[in-house]
């Protein structure tokens, strides 16, 4: 994911981002509510790997998000 803040993500797509505490979180919306889940790491490479796993394994089970859509 580009680190440039001017990058516009497609609306409604899950993404990962570091919080102020340095821990990376997955962010998504469900029913007009924003949600987040910790990726449990402060390392960007590890966060990217865990985000991919989240999309494939967990993301499709949460609130109708499917990896293939």
Protein backbone atom coordinates (compact mmCIF):
# COMPACT_ATOMS: atom_id res chain seq x y z
CA UNK A 1 0.00 0.00 0.00
CA UNK A 2 1.44 3.39 -0.88
CA UNK A 3 2.53 5.39 2.13
CA UNK A 4 1.63 8.67 0.40
CA UNK A 5 -1.28 10.24 2.32
CA UNK A 6 -2.76 11.58 -0.94
CA UNK A 7 -3.56 8.00 -2.06
CA UNK A 8 -7.33 7.45 -2.09
CA UNK A 9 -8.49 3.97 -1.11
CA UNK A 10 -11.64 2.60 -2.72
CA UNK A 11 -14.53 3.21 -0.33
CA UNK A 12 -15.41 0.20 1.80
CA UNK A 13 -12.23 -1.76 1.09
CA UNK A 14 -10.34 -3.15 4.10
CA UNK A 15 -6.89 -1.70 4.69
CA UNK A 16 -4.15 -1.80 7.31
CA UNK A 17 -2.51 1.14 9.02
CA UNK A 18 -0.25 1.83 11.99
CA UNK A 19 -1.90 3.50 14.98
CA UNK A 20 -0.21 6.15 17.12
CA UNK A 21 1.11 3.38 19.40
CA UNK A 22 2.95 1.80 16.41
CA UNK A 23 0.79 -1.33 16.24
CA UNK A 24 -0.78 -2.13 12.86
CA UNK A 25 -4.55 -2.62 12.60
CA UNK A 26 -6.93 -3.78 9.88
CA UNK A 27 -9.75 -1.30 9.28
CA UNK A 28 -13.03 -2.05 7.50
CA UNK A 29 -16.69 -1.04 7.69
CA UNK A 30 -19.75 -3.10 8.32
CA UNK A 31 -23.26 -1.74 8.20
CA UNK A 32 -22.06 1.89 8.26
CA UNK A 33 -19.89 1.14 11.32
CA UNK A 34 -16.12 1.28 11.24
CA UNK A 35 -14.32 -1.73 12.68
CA UNK A 36 -10.70 -2.56 13.39
CA UNK A 37 -8.68 -5.58 14.45
CA UNK A 38 -5.09 -5.66 15.63
CA UNK A 39 -2.50 -7.40 13.48
CA UNK A 40 -0.35 -7.80 16.60
CA UNK A 41 2.86 -6.35 15.18
CA UNK A 42 4.78 -3.10 14.84
CA UNK A 43 6.76 -4.28 11.81
CA UNK A 44 5.33 -3.23 8.43
CA UNK A 45 6.53 -6.33 6.55
CA UNK A 46 4.93 -8.60 9.14
CA UNK A 47 1.76 -6.47 9.10
CA UNK A 48 1.52 -6.83 5.31
CA UNK A 49 1.81 -10.62 5.59
CA UNK A 50 -0.76 -10.81 8.39
CA UNK A 51 -3.13 -8.50 6.48
CA UNK A 52 -2.98 -10.83 3.47
CA UNK A 53 -3.72 -13.79 5.74
CA UNK A 54 -6.57 -11.86 7.36
CA UNK A 55 -8.10 -11.16 3.95
CA UNK A 56 -7.86 -14.80 2.89
CA UNK A 57 -8.86 -16.47 6.14
CA UNK A 58 -10.81 -14.07 8.35
CA UNK A 59 -11.92 -11.17 6.18
CA UNK A 60 -14.37 -13.19 4.13
CA UNK A 61 -16.11 -14.38 7.28
CA UNK A 62 -16.57 -10.90 8.78
CA UNK A 63 -19.59 -8.90 7.70
CA UNK A 64 -19.70 -10.16 4.12
CA UNK A 65 -16.19 -9.12 3.07
CA UNK A 66 -14.82 -11.53 0.48
CA UNK A 67 -11.23 -11.63 -0.76
CA UNK A 68 -12.27 -12.23 -4.36
CA UNK A 69 -14.61 -9.26 -4.74
